[in-house]
C-alpha cells in the first residue's frame, strides 16, 4: 500500500478525523487529505509526527512493512534486543511457548 493509503488506514483505525490528525501534527485537514490521496508527500519531520500521532512505525507508513506495529510494542522489542543473550533467550522461549499455546487454543 502507498503512504497515503497507510495514513488513511491507521487514522481510521484510531478513529481520528483528518482535522484531529492535522491538529496533532501541526497542519490543516486539507493537507492530510492530500497526503492520503498521494497528491503530495510530507517532509520526513511531518511523516514522523504523523507516525507518532497514529502510534505506528514510519516503516509502516512508507510501505516498508505491511504490519502496523504499535509504538509500545516496538519499544518492548527494542528493550528485549538490549538484554544480555541469556536473558533474551528466556524471553524468547516464554514468548514462543505463549504463542504456541494461543495458537493451539484457537484451533480447538
PDB file of N, CA and C in Angstrom:
ATOM      1  N   UNK A   1       0.844  -1.186   0.000  1.00  0.00           N
ATOM      2  CA  UNK A   1       0.000   0.000   0.000  1.00  0.00           C
ATOM      3  C   UNK A   1       0.883   1.241   0.000  1.00  0.00           C
ATOM      4  N   UNK A   2       0.310   2.348  -0.433  1.00  0.00           N
ATOM      5  CA  UNK A   2       1.053   3.597  -0.521  1.00  0.00           C
ATOM      6  C   UNK A   2       1.051   4.331   0.818  1.00  0.00           C
ATOM      7  N   UNK A   3       1.898   5.348   0.906  1.00  0.00           N
ATOM      8  CA  UNK A   3       1.954   6.176   2.111  1.00  0.00           C
ATOM      9  C   UNK A   3       0.560   6.698   2.455  1.00  0.00           C
ATOM     10  N   UNK A   4      -0.110   7.267   1.473  1.00  0.00           N
ATOM     11  CA  UNK A   4      -1.430   7.845   1.714  1.00  0.00           C
ATOM     12  C   UNK A   4      -2.442   6.823   2.193  1.00  0.00           C
ATOM     13  N   UNK A   5      -2.447   5.661   1.576  1.00  0.00           N
ATOM     14  CA  UNK A   5      -3.379   4.600   1.993  1.00  0.00           C
ATOM     15  C   UNK A   5      -3.078   4.147   3.418  1.00  0.00           C
ATOM     16  N   UNK A   6      -1.797   4.043   3.751  1.00  0.00           N
ATOM     17  CA  UNK A   6      -1.417   3.629   5.101  1.00  0.00           C
ATOM     18  C   UNK A   6      -1.793   4.676   6.138  1.00  0.00           C
ATOM     19  N   UNK A   7      -1.632   5.953   5.800  1.00  0.00           N
ATOM     20  CA  UNK A   7      -2.050   7.018   6.718  1.00  0.00           C
ATOM     21  C   UNK A   7      -3.558   6.938   6.942  1.00  0.00           C
ATOM     22  N   UNK A   8      -4.322   6.820   5.871  1.00  0.00           N
ATOM     23  CA  UNK A   8      -5.779   6.764   5.985  1.00  0.00           C
ATOM     24  C   UNK A   8      -6.219   5.557   6.802  1.00  0.00           C
ATOM     25  N   UNK A   9      -5.624   4.412   6.546  1.00  0.00           N
ATOM     26  CA  UNK A   9      -5.977   3.191   7.280  1.00  0.00           C
ATOM     27  C   UNK A   9      -5.681   3.338   8.768  1.00  0.00           C
ATOM     28  N   UNK A  10      -4.488   3.816   9.097  1.00  0.00           N
ATOM     29  CA  UNK A  10      -4.104   3.977  10.503  1.00  0.00           C
ATOM     30  C   UNK A  10      -4.951   5.050  11.190  1.00  0.00           C
ATOM     31  N   UNK A  11      -5.254   6.124  10.461  1.00  0.00           N
ATOM     32  CA  UNK A  11      -6.072   7.203  11.033  1.00  0.00           C
ATOM     33  C   UNK A  11      -7.472   6.688  11.357  1.00  0.00           C
ATOM     34  N   UNK A  12      -8.058   5.946  10.434  1.00  0.00           N
ATOM     35  CA  UNK A  12      -9.405   5.411  10.649  1.00  0.00           C
ATOM     36  C   UNK A  12      -9.419   4.382  11.773  1.00  0.00           C
ATOM     37  N   UNK A  13      -8.361   3.592  11.863  1.00  0.00           N
ATOM     38  CA  UNK A  13      -8.260   2.605  12.945  1.00  0.00           C
ATOM     39  C   UNK A  13      -8.240   3.289  14.305  1.00  0.00           C
ATOM     40  N   UNK A  14      -7.591   4.455  14.365  1.00  0.00           N
ATOM     41  CA  UNK A  14      -7.543   5.227  15.621  1.00  0.00           C
ATOM     42  C   UNK A  14      -8.787   6.088  15.824  1.00  0.00           C
ATOM     43  N   UNK A  15      -9.686   6.039  14.828  1.00  0.00           N
ATOM     44  CA  UNK A  15     -10.935   6.806  14.867  1.00  0.00           C
ATOM     45  C   UNK A  15     -10.685   8.306  14.991  1.00  0.00           C
ATOM     46  N   UNK A  16      -9.718   8.772  14.208  1.00  0.00           N
ATOM     47  CA  UNK A  16      -9.405  10.201  14.152  1.00  0.00           C
ATOM     48  C   UNK A  16      -9.913  10.763  12.829  1.00  0.00           C
ATOM     49  N   UNK A  17     -10.398  11.990  12.873  1.00  0.00           N
ATOM     50  CA  UNK A  17     -10.754  12.676  11.632  1.00  0.00           C
ATOM     51  C   UNK A  17      -9.477  13.280  11.054  1.00  0.00           C
ATOM     52  N   UNK A  18      -9.554  13.705   9.802  1.00  0.00           N
ATOM     53  CA  UNK A  18      -8.398  14.379   9.205  1.00  0.00           C
ATOM     54  C   UNK A  18      -8.069  15.644   9.987  1.00  0.00           C
ATOM     55  N   UNK A  19      -9.098  16.338  10.464  1.00  0.00           N
ATOM     56  CA  UNK A  19      -8.875  17.562  11.258  1.00  0.00           C
ATOM     57  C   UNK A  19      -8.159  17.266  12.561  1.00  0.00           C
ATOM     58  N   UNK A  20      -8.559  16.186  13.228  1.00  0.00           N
ATOM     59  CA  UNK A  20      -7.918  15.833  14.503  1.00  0.00           C
ATOM     60  C   UNK A  20      -6.462  15.450  14.298  1.00  0.00           C
ATOM     61  N   UNK A  21      -6.198  14.670  13.260  1.00  0.00           N
ATOM     62  CA  UNK A  21      -4.812  14.302  12.959  1.00  0.00           C
ATOM     63  C   UNK A  21      -4.004  15.548  12.600  1.00  0.00           C
ATOM     64  N   UNK A  22      -4.597  16.414  11.810  1.00  0.00           N
ATOM     65  CA  UNK A  22      -3.905  17.648  11.404  1.00  0.00           C
ATOM     66  C   UNK A  22      -3.495  18.473  12.617  1.00  0.00           C
ATOM     67  N   UNK A  23      -4.390  18.602  13.597  1.00  0.00           N
ATOM     68  CA  UNK A  23      -4.070  19.363  14.810  1.00  0.00           C
ATOM     69  C   UNK A  23      -2.894  18.742  15.550  1.00  0.00           C
ATOM     70  N   UNK A  24      -2.882  17.410  15.647  1.00  0.00           N
ATOM     71  CA  UNK A  24      -1.793  16.734  16.357  1.00  0.00           C
ATOM     72  C   UNK A  24      -0.456  16.907  15.644  1.00  0.00           C
ATOM     73  N   UNK A  25      -0.516  16.997  14.326  1.00  0.00           N
ATOM     74  CA  UNK A  25       0.698  17.085  13.518  1.00  0.00           C
ATOM     75  C   UNK A  25       1.153  18.532  13.323  1.00  0.00           C
ATOM     76  N   UNK A  26       0.221  19.466  13.440  1.00  0.00           N
ATOM     77  CA  UNK A  26       0.562  20.868  13.243  1.00  0.00           C
ATOM     78  C   UNK A  26       0.347  21.333  11.822  1.00  0.00           C
ATOM     79  N   UNK A  27      -0.706  20.820  11.180  1.00  0.00           N
ATOM     80  CA  UNK A  27      -1.031  21.227   9.816  1.00  0.00           C
ATOM     81  C   UNK A  27      -2.547  21.381   9.717  1.00  0.00           C
ATOM     82  N   UNK A  28      -3.088  21.365   8.509  1.00  0.00           N
ATOM     83  CA  UNK A  28      -4.530  21.506   8.327  1.00  0.00           C
ATOM     84  C   UNK A  28      -5.098  20.249   7.671  1.00  0.00           C
ATOM     85  N   UNK A  29      -6.402  20.047   7.831  1.00  0.00           N
ATOM     86  CA  UNK A  29      -7.071  18.846   7.327  1.00  0.00           C
ATOM     87  C   UNK A  29      -6.909  18.677   5.826  1.00  0.00           C
ATOM     88  N   UNK A  30      -6.927  19.774   5.082  1.00  0.00           N
ATOM     89  CA  UNK A  30      -6.766  19.701   3.625  1.00  0.00           C
ATOM     90  C   UNK A  30      -5.440  19.037   3.269  1.00  0.00           C
ATOM     91  N   UNK A  31      -4.410  19.363   4.008  1.00  0.00           N
ATOM     92  CA  UNK A  31      -3.092  18.787   3.753  1.00  0.00           C
ATOM     93  C   UNK A  31      -3.092  17.290   4.050  1.00  0.00           C
ATOM     94  N   UNK A  32      -3.728  16.896   5.145  1.00  0.00           N
ATOM     95  CA  UNK A  32      -3.828  15.467   5.472  1.00  0.00           C
ATOM     96  C   UNK A  32      -4.558  14.742   4.341  1.00  0.00           C
ATOM     97  N   UNK A  33      -5.617  15.330   3.843  1.00  0.00           N
ATOM     98  CA  UNK A  33      -6.355  14.748   2.720  1.00  0.00           C
ATOM     99  C   UNK A  33      -5.480  14.581   1.498  1.00  0.00           C
ATOM    100  N   UNK A  34      -4.651  15.568   1.226  1.00  0.00           N
ATOM    101  CA  UNK A  34      -3.749  15.483   0.063  1.00  0.00           C
ATOM    102  C   UNK A  34      -2.693  14.394   0.265  1.00  0.00           C
ATOM    103  N   UNK A  35      -2.217  14.224   1.522  1.00  0.00           N
ATOM    104  CA  UNK A  35      -1.290  13.123   1.809  1.00  0.00           C
ATOM    105  C   UNK A  35      -1.987  11.790   1.540  1.00  0.00           C
ATOM    106  N   UNK A  36      -3.223  11.664   2.041  1.00  0.00           N
ATOM    107  CA  UNK A  36      -3.957  10.408   1.912  1.00  0.00           C
ATOM    108  C   UNK A  36      -4.276  10.065   0.454  1.00  0.00           C
ATOM    109  N   UNK A  37      -4.441  11.071  -0.367  1.00  0.00           N
ATOM    110  CA  UNK A  37      -4.704  10.850  -1.796  1.00  0.00           C
ATOM    111  C   UNK A  37      -3.406  10.762  -2.607  1.00  0.00           C
ATOM    112  N   UNK A  38      -2.283  10.801  -1.918  1.00  0.00           N
ATOM    113  CA  UNK A  38      -0.955  10.733  -2.548  1.00  0.00           C
ATOM    114  C   UNK A  38      -0.715  11.860  -3.553  1.00  0.00           C
ATOM    115  N   UNK A  39      -1.332  13.006  -3.304  1.00  0.00           N
ATOM    116  CA  UNK A  39      -1.112  14.163  -4.166  1.00  0.00           C
ATOM    117  C   UNK A  39       0.200  14.853  -3.828  1.00  0.00           C
ATOM    118  N   UNK A  40       0.561  14.801  -2.544  1.00  0.00           N
ATOM    119  CA  UNK A  40       1.816  15.382  -2.076  1.00  0.00           C
ATOM    120  C   UNK A  40       2.432  14.442  -1.055  1.00  0.00           C
ATOM    121  N   UNK A  41       3.709  14.598  -0.829  1.00  0.00           N
ATOM    122  CA  UNK A  41       4.436  13.810   0.173  1.00  0.00           C
ATOM    123  C   UNK A  41       4.910  14.751   1.274  1.00  0.00           C
ATOM    124  N   UNK A  42       4.817  14.320   2.517  1.00  0.00           N
ATOM    125  CA  UNK A  42       5.275  15.176   3.623  1.00  0.00           C
ATOM    126  C   UNK A  42       6.791  15.144   3.763  1.00  0.00           C
ATOM    127  N   UNK A  43       7.293  16.113   4.483  1.00  0.00           N
ATOM    128  CA  UNK A  43       8.715  16.087   4.849  1.00  0.00           C
ATOM    129  C   UNK A  43       8.906  14.926   5.827  1.00  0.00           C
ATOM    130  N   UNK A  44      10.141  14.544   6.039  1.00  0.00           N
ATOM    131  CA  UNK A  44      10.431  13.467   6.986  1.00  0.00           C
ATOM    132  C   UNK A  44       9.973  13.853   8.392  1.00  0.00           C
ATOM    133  N   UNK A  45      10.089  15.122   8.728  1.00  0.00           N
ATOM    134  CA  UNK A  45       9.656  15.606  10.043  1.00  0.00           C
ATOM    135  C   UNK A  45       8.145  15.426  10.213  1.00  0.00           C
ATOM    136  N   UNK A  46       7.383  15.818   9.213  1.00  0.00           N
ATOM    137  CA  UNK A  46       5.925  15.688   9.286  1.00  0.00           C
ATOM    138  C   UNK A  46       5.518  14.216   9.245  1.00  0.00           C
ATOM    139  N   UNK A  47       6.180  13.421   8.418  1.00  0.00           N
ATOM    140  CA  UNK A  47       5.870  11.989   8.351  1.00  0.00           C
ATOM    141  C   UNK A  47       6.108  11.328   9.706  1.00  0.00           C
ATOM    142  N   UNK A  48       7.174  11.734  10.391  1.00  0.00           N
ATOM    143  CA  UNK A  48       7.469  11.206  11.720  1.00  0.00           C
ATOM    144  C   UNK A  48       6.389  11.623  12.713  1.00  0.00           C
ATOM    145  N   UNK A  49       5.935  12.866  12.625  1.00  0.00           N
ATOM    146  CA  UNK A  49       4.859  13.332  13.507  1.00  0.00           C
ATOM    147  C   UNK A  49       3.564  12.567  13.243  1.00  0.00           C
ATOM    148  N   UNK A  50       3.286  12.283  11.986  1.00  0.00           N
ATOM    149  CA  UNK A  50       2.090  11.511  11.641  1.00  0.00           C
ATOM    150  C   UNK A  50       2.206  10.111  12.231  1.00  0.00           C
ATOM    151  N   UNK A  51       3.359   9.467  12.069  1.00  0.00           N
ATOM    152  CA  UNK A  51       3.570   8.127  12.627  1.00  0.00           C
ATOM    153  C   UNK A  51       3.383   8.138  14.139  1.00  0.00           C
ATOM    154  N   UNK A  52       3.947   9.142  14.808  1.00  0.00           N
ATOM    155  CA  UNK A  52       3.797   9.253  16.263  1.00  0.00           C
ATOM    156  C   UNK A  52       2.338   9.441  16.657  1.00  0.00           C
ATOM    157  N   UNK A  53       1.643  10.306  15.948  1.00  0.00           N
ATOM    158  CA  UNK A  53       0.233  10.580  16.269  1.00  0.00           C
ATOM    159  C   UNK A  53      -0.640   9.351  16.053  1.00  0.00           C
ATOM    160  N   UNK A  54      -0.270   8.522  15.089  1.00  0.00           N
ATOM    161  CA  UNK A  54      -1.068   7.334  14.779  1.00  0.00           C
ATOM    162  C   UNK A  54      -0.566   6.083  15.493  1.00  0.00           C
ATOM    163  N   UNK A  55       0.505   6.237  16.283  1.00  0.00           N
ATOM    164  CA  UNK A  55       1.092   5.114  17.026  1.00  0.00           C
ATOM    165  C   UNK A  55       1.490   3.959  16.125  1.00  0.00           C
ATOM    166  N   UNK A  56       2.096   4.288  14.987  1.00  0.00           N
ATOM    167  CA  UNK A  56       2.618   3.276  14.079  1.00  0.00           C
ATOM    168  C   UNK A  56       4.057   3.646  13.742  1.00  0.00           C
ATOM    169  N   UNK A  57       4.748   2.710  13.153  1.00  0.00           N
ATOM    170  CA  UNK A  57       6.136   2.990  12.767  1.00  0.00           C
ATOM    171  C   UNK A  57       6.168   3.748  11.444  1.00  0.00           C
ATOM    172  N   UNK A  58       7.218   4.486  11.258  1.00  0.00           N
ATOM    173  CA  UNK A  58       7.427   5.180   9.994  1.00  0.00           C
ATOM    174  C   UNK A  58       7.605   4.154   8.866  1.00  0.00           C
ATOM    175  N   UNK A  59       8.224   3.018   9.184  1.00  0.00           N
ATOM    176  CA  UNK A  59       8.362   1.941   8.190  1.00  0.00           C
ATOM    177  C   UNK A  59       6.997   1.504   7.660  1.00  0.00           C
ATOM    178  N   UNK A  60       6.011   1.408   8.540  1.00  0.00           N
ATOM    179  CA  UNK A  60       4.670   1.027   8.102  1.00  0.00           C
ATOM    180  C   UNK A  60       4.092   2.085   7.162  1.00  0.00           C
ATOM    181  N   UNK A  61       4.210   3.341   7.546  1.00  0.00           N
ATOM    182  CA  UNK A  61       3.620   4.404   6.733  1.00  0.00           C
ATOM    183  C   UNK A  61       4.227   4.471   5.334  1.00  0.00           C
ATOM    184  N   UNK A  62       5.522   4.274   5.231  1.00  0.00           N
ATOM    185  CA  UNK A  62       6.157   4.383   3.917  1.00  0.00           C
ATOM    186  C   UNK A  62       6.101   3.083   3.123  1.00  0.00           C
ATOM    187  N   UNK A  63       5.526   2.044   3.713  1.00  0.00           N
ATOM    188  CA  UNK A  63       5.323   0.799   2.982  1.00  0.00           C
ATOM    189  C   UNK A  63       6.456  -0.203   3.055  1.00  0.00           C
ATOM    190  N   UNK A  64       7.402   0.000   3.973  1.00  0.00           N
ATOM    191  CA  UNK A  64       8.494  -0.965   4.123  1.00  0.00           C
ATOM    192  C   UNK A  64       8.048  -2.237   4.829  1.00  0.00           C
ATOM    193  N   UNK A  65       6.904  -2.179   5.505  1.00  0.00           N
ATOM    194  CA  UNK A  65       6.321  -3.342   6.158  1.00  0.00           C
ATOM    195  C   UNK A  65       4.812  -3.245   6.056  1.00  0.00           C
ATOM    196  N   UNK A  66       4.163  -4.386   5.971  1.00  0.00           N
ATOM    197  CA  UNK A  66       2.702  -4.415   5.906  1.00  0.00           C
ATOM    198  C   UNK A  66       2.074  -4.444   7.289  1.00  0.00           C
ATOM    199  N   UNK A  67       2.897  -4.605   8.299  1.00  0.00           N
ATOM    200  CA  UNK A  67       2.406  -4.728   9.660  1.00  0.00           C
ATOM    201  C   UNK A  67       2.509  -3.398  10.379  1.00  0.00           C
ATOM    202  N   UNK A  68       1.379  -2.943  10.893  1.00  0.00           N
ATOM    203  CA  UNK A  68       1.362  -1.687  11.649  1.00  0.00           C
ATOM    204  C   UNK A  68       1.691  -1.994  13.101  1.00  0.00           C
ATOM    205  N   UNK A  69       2.971  -2.021  13.415  1.00  0.00           N
ATOM    206  CA  UNK A  69       3.378  -2.296  14.790  1.00  0.00           C
ATOM    207  C   UNK A  69       3.112  -1.086  15.670  1.00  0.00           C
ATOM    208  N   UNK A  70       2.557  -1.361  16.834  1.00  0.00           N
ATOM    209  CA  UNK A  70       2.282  -0.283  17.767  1.00  0.00           C
ATOM    210  C   UNK A  70       3.588   0.196  18.385  1.00  0.00           C
ATOM    211  N   UNK A  71       3.637   1.480  18.699  1.00  0.00           N
ATOM    212  CA  UNK A  71       4.863   2.077  19.219  1.00  0.00           C
ATOM    213  C   UNK A  71       5.326   1.405  20.507  1.00  0.00           C
ATOM    214  N   UNK A  72       4.374   1.081  21.420  1.00  0.00           N
ATOM    215  CA  UNK A  72       4.778   0.460  22.682  1.00  0.00           C
ATOM    216  C   UNK A  72       5.328  -0.943  22.448  1.00  0.00           C
ATOM    217  N   UNK A  73       4.814  -1.654  21.451  1.00  0.00           N
ATOM    218  CA  UNK A  73       5.347  -2.969  21.115  1.00  0.00           C
ATOM    219  C   UNK A  73       6.757  -2.842  20.537  1.00  0.00           C
ATOM    220  N   UNK A  74       6.974  -1.852  19.691  1.00  0.00           N
ATOM    221  CA  UNK A  74       8.314  -1.615  19.145  1.00  0.00           C
ATOM    222  C   UNK A  74       9.314  -1.305  20.249  1.00  0.00           C
ATOM    223  N   UNK A  75       8.881  -0.540  21.244  1.00  0.00           N
ATOM    224  CA  UNK A  75       9.775  -0.208  22.360  1.00  0.00           C
ATOM    225  C   UNK A  75      10.138  -1.467  23.133  1.00  0.00           C
ATOM    226  N   UNK A  76       9.157  -2.340  23.355  1.00  0.00           N
ATOM    227  CA  UNK A  76       9.434  -3.581  24.078  1.00  0.00           C
ATOM    228  C   UNK A  76      10.400  -4.461  23.286  1.00  0.00           C
ATOM    229  N   UNK A  77      10.219  -4.523  21.983  1.00  0.00           N
ATOM    230  CA  UNK A  77      11.128  -5.312  21.151  1.00  0.00           C
ATOM    231  C   UNK A  77      12.542  -4.752  21.244  1.00  0.00           C
ATOM    232  N   UNK A  78      12.644  -3.438  21.190  1.00  0.00           N
ATOM    233  CA  UNK A  78      13.958  -2.792  21.320  1.00  0.00           C
ATOM    234  C   UNK A  78      14.581  -3.099  22.673  1.00  0.00           C
ATOM    235  N   UNK A  79      13.764  -3.055  23.723  1.00  0.00           N
ATOM    236  CA  UNK A  79      14.265  -3.368  25.067  1.00  0.00           C
ATOM    237  C   UNK A  79      14.758  -4.810  25.150  1.00  0.00           C
ATOM    238  N   UNK A  80      14.028  -5.726  24.522  1.00  0.00           N
ATOM    239  CA  UNK A  80      14.432  -7.133  24.521  1.00  0.00           C
ATOM    240  C   UNK A  80      15.765  -7.292  23.798  1.00  0.00           C
ATOM    241  N   UNK A  81      15.940  -6.597  22.696  1.00  0.00           N
ATOM    242  CA  UNK A  81      17.192  -6.698  21.935  1.00  0.00           C
ATOM    243  C   UNK A  81      18.394  -6.227  22.748  1.00  0.00           C
ATOM    244  N   UNK A  82      18.172  -5.354  23.711  1.00  0.00           N
ATOM    245  CA  UNK A  82      19.263  -4.818  24.518  1.00  0.00           C
ATOM    246  C   UNK A  82      19.642  -5.738  25.677  1.00  0.00           C
ATOM    247  N   UNK A  83      18.836  -6.766  25.934  1.00  0.00           N
ATOM    248  CA  UNK A  83      19.119  -7.673  27.039  1.00  0.00           C
ATOM    249  C   UNK A  83      20.350  -8.519  26.745  1.00  0.00           C
ATOM    250  N   UNK A  84      21.003  -8.993  27.818  1.00  0.00           N
ATOM    251  CA  UNK A  84      22.084  -9.962  27.608  1.00  0.00           C
ATOM    252  C   UNK A  84      21.507 -11.206  26.919  1.00  0.00           C
ATOM    253  N   UNK A  85      22.340 -11.894  26.181  1.00  0.00           N
ATOM    254  CA  UNK A  85      21.886 -13.021  25.350  1.00  0.00           C
ATOM    255  C   UNK A  85      21.116 -14.071  26.148  1.00  0.00           C
ATOM    256  N   UNK A  86      21.578 -14.406  27.347  1.00  0.00           N
ATOM    257  CA  UNK A  86      20.896 -15.440  28.134  1.00  0.00           C
ATOM    258  C   UNK A  86      19.496 -15.003  28.552  1.00  0.00           C
ATOM    259  N   UNK A  87      19.332 -13.743  28.921  1.00  0.00           N
ATOM    260  CA  UNK A  87      18.011 -13.235  29.319  1.00  0.00           C
ATOM    261  C   UNK A  87      17.103 -13.080  28.096  1.00  0.00           C
ATOM    262  N   UNK A  88      17.684 -12.683  26.977  1.00  0.00           N
ATOM    263  CA  UNK A  88      16.926 -12.570  25.738  1.00  0.00           C
ATOM    264  C   UNK A  88      16.366 -13.944  25.344  1.00  0.00           C
ATOM    265  N   UNK A  89      17.175 -14.999  25.516  1.00  0.00           N
ATOM    266  CA  UNK A  89      16.728 -16.356  25.200  1.00  0.00           C
ATOM    267  C   UNK A  89      15.566 -16.784  26.077  1.00  0.00           C
ATOM    268  N   UNK A  90      15.596 -16.414  27.344  1.00  0.00           N
ATOM    269  CA  UNK A  90      14.493 -16.743  28.256  1.00  0.00           C
ATOM    270  C   UNK A  90      13.212 -16.060  27.798  1.00  0.00           C
ATOM    271  N   UNK A  91      13.299 -14.778  27.461  1.00  0.00           N
ATOM    272  CA  UNK A  91      12.122 -14.039  26.988  1.00  0.00           C
ATOM    273  C   UNK A  91      11.578 -14.675  25.711  1.00  0.00           C
ATOM    274  N   UNK A  92      12.459 -15.032  24.801  1.00  0.00           N
ATOM    275  CA  UNK A  92      12.022 -15.625  23.536  1.00  0.00           C
ATOM    276  C   UNK A  92      11.365 -16.985  23.757  1.00  0.00           C
ATOM    277  N   UNK A  93      11.902 -17.781  24.672  1.00  0.00           N
ATOM    278  CA  UNK A  93      11.298 -19.078  24.982  1.00  0.00           C
ATOM    279  C   UNK A  93       9.904 -18.897  25.580  1.00  0.00           C
ATOM    280  N   UNK A  94       9.760 -17.938  26.483  1.00  0.00           N
ATOM    281  CA  UNK A  94       8.446 -17.663  27.082  1.00  0.00           C
ATOM    282  C   UNK A  94       7.458 -17.197  26.015  1.00  0.00           C
ATOM    283  N   UNK A  95       7.915 -16.323  25.167  1.00  0.00           N
ATOM    284  CA  UNK A  95       7.064 -15.812  24.098  1.00  0.00           C
ATOM    285  C   UNK A  95       6.663 -16.926  23.135  1.00  0.00           C
ATOM    286  N   UNK A  96       7.612 -17.759  22.746  1.00  0.00           N
ATOM    287  CA  UNK A  96       7.308 -18.888  21.860  1.00  0.00           C
ATOM    288  C   UNK A  96       6.280 -19.818  22.494  1.00  0.00           C
ATOM    289  N   UNK A  97       6.463 -20.129  23.777  1.00  0.00           N
ATOM    290  CA  UNK A  97       5.514 -21.010  24.470  1.00  0.00           C
ATOM    291  C   UNK A  97       4.120 -20.400  24.513  1.00  0.00           C
ATOM    292  N   UNK A  98       4.055 -19.133  24.827  1.00  0.00           N
ATOM    293  CA  UNK A  98       2.761 -18.463  24.894  1.00  0.00           C
ATOM    294  C   UNK A  98       2.077 -18.446  23.526  1.00  0.00           C
ATOM    295  N   UNK A  99       2.815 -18.120  22.490  1.00  0.00           N
ATOM    296  CA  UNK A  99       2.236 -18.073  21.147  1.00  0.00           C
ATOM    297  C   UNK A  99       1.770 -19.446  20.683  1.00  0.00           C
ATOM    298  N   UNK A 100       2.564 -20.480  20.975  1.00  0.00           N
ATOM    299  CA  UNK A 100       2.182 -21.841  20.599  1.00  0.00           C
ATOM    300  C   UNK A 100       0.886 -22.239  21.321  1.00  0.00           C
ATOM    301  N   UNK A 101       0.808 -21.938  22.619  1.00  0.00           N
ATOM    302  CA  UNK A 101      -0.393 -22.257  23.392  1.00  0.00           C
ATOM    303  C   UNK A 101      -1.607 -21.514  22.859  1.00  0.00           C
ATOM    304  N   UNK A 102      -1.446 -20.270  22.519  1.00  0.00           N
ATOM    305  CA  UNK A 102      -2.533 -19.452  21.990  1.00  0.00           C
ATOM    306  C   UNK A 102      -3.022 -20.006  20.645  1.00  0.00           C
ATOM    307  N   UNK A 103      -2.098 -20.409  19.789  1.00  0.00           N
ATOM    308  CA  UNK A 103      -2.475 -20.990  18.506  1.00  0.00           C
ATOM    309  C   UNK A 103      -3.234 -22.298  18.686  1.00  0.00           C
ATOM    310  N   UNK A 104      -2.762 -23.131  19.621  1.00  0.00           N
ATOM    311  CA  UNK A 104      -3.442 -24.400  19.872  1.00  0.00           C
ATOM    312  C   UNK A 104      -4.860 -24.172  20.391  1.00  0.00           C
ATOM    313  N   UNK A 105      -5.016 -23.181  21.255  1.00  0.00           N
ATOM    314  CA  UNK A 105      -6.348 -22.879  21.801  1.00  0.00           C
ATOM    315  C   UNK A 105      -7.283 -22.374  20.724  1.00  0.00           C
ATOM    316  N   UNK A 106      -6.761 -21.634  19.769  1.00  0.00           N
ATOM    317  CA  UNK A 106      -7.622 -21.109  18.706  1.00  0.00           C
ATOM    318  C   UNK A 106      -8.066 -22.212  17.743  1.00  0.00           C
ATOM    319  N   UNK A 107      -7.283 -23.284  17.652  1.00  0.00           N
ATOM    320  CA  UNK A 107      -7.644 -24.405  16.790  1.00  0.00           C
ATOM    321  C   UNK A 107      -8.763 -25.236  17.416  1.00  0.00           C
ATOM    322  N   UNK A 108      -8.729 -25.354  18.718  1.00  0.00           N
ATOM    323  CA  UNK A 108      -9.703 -26.204  19.422  1.00  0.00           C
ATOM    324  C   UNK A 108     -11.037 -25.540  19.582  1.00  0.00           C
TER     325      UNK A 108
END
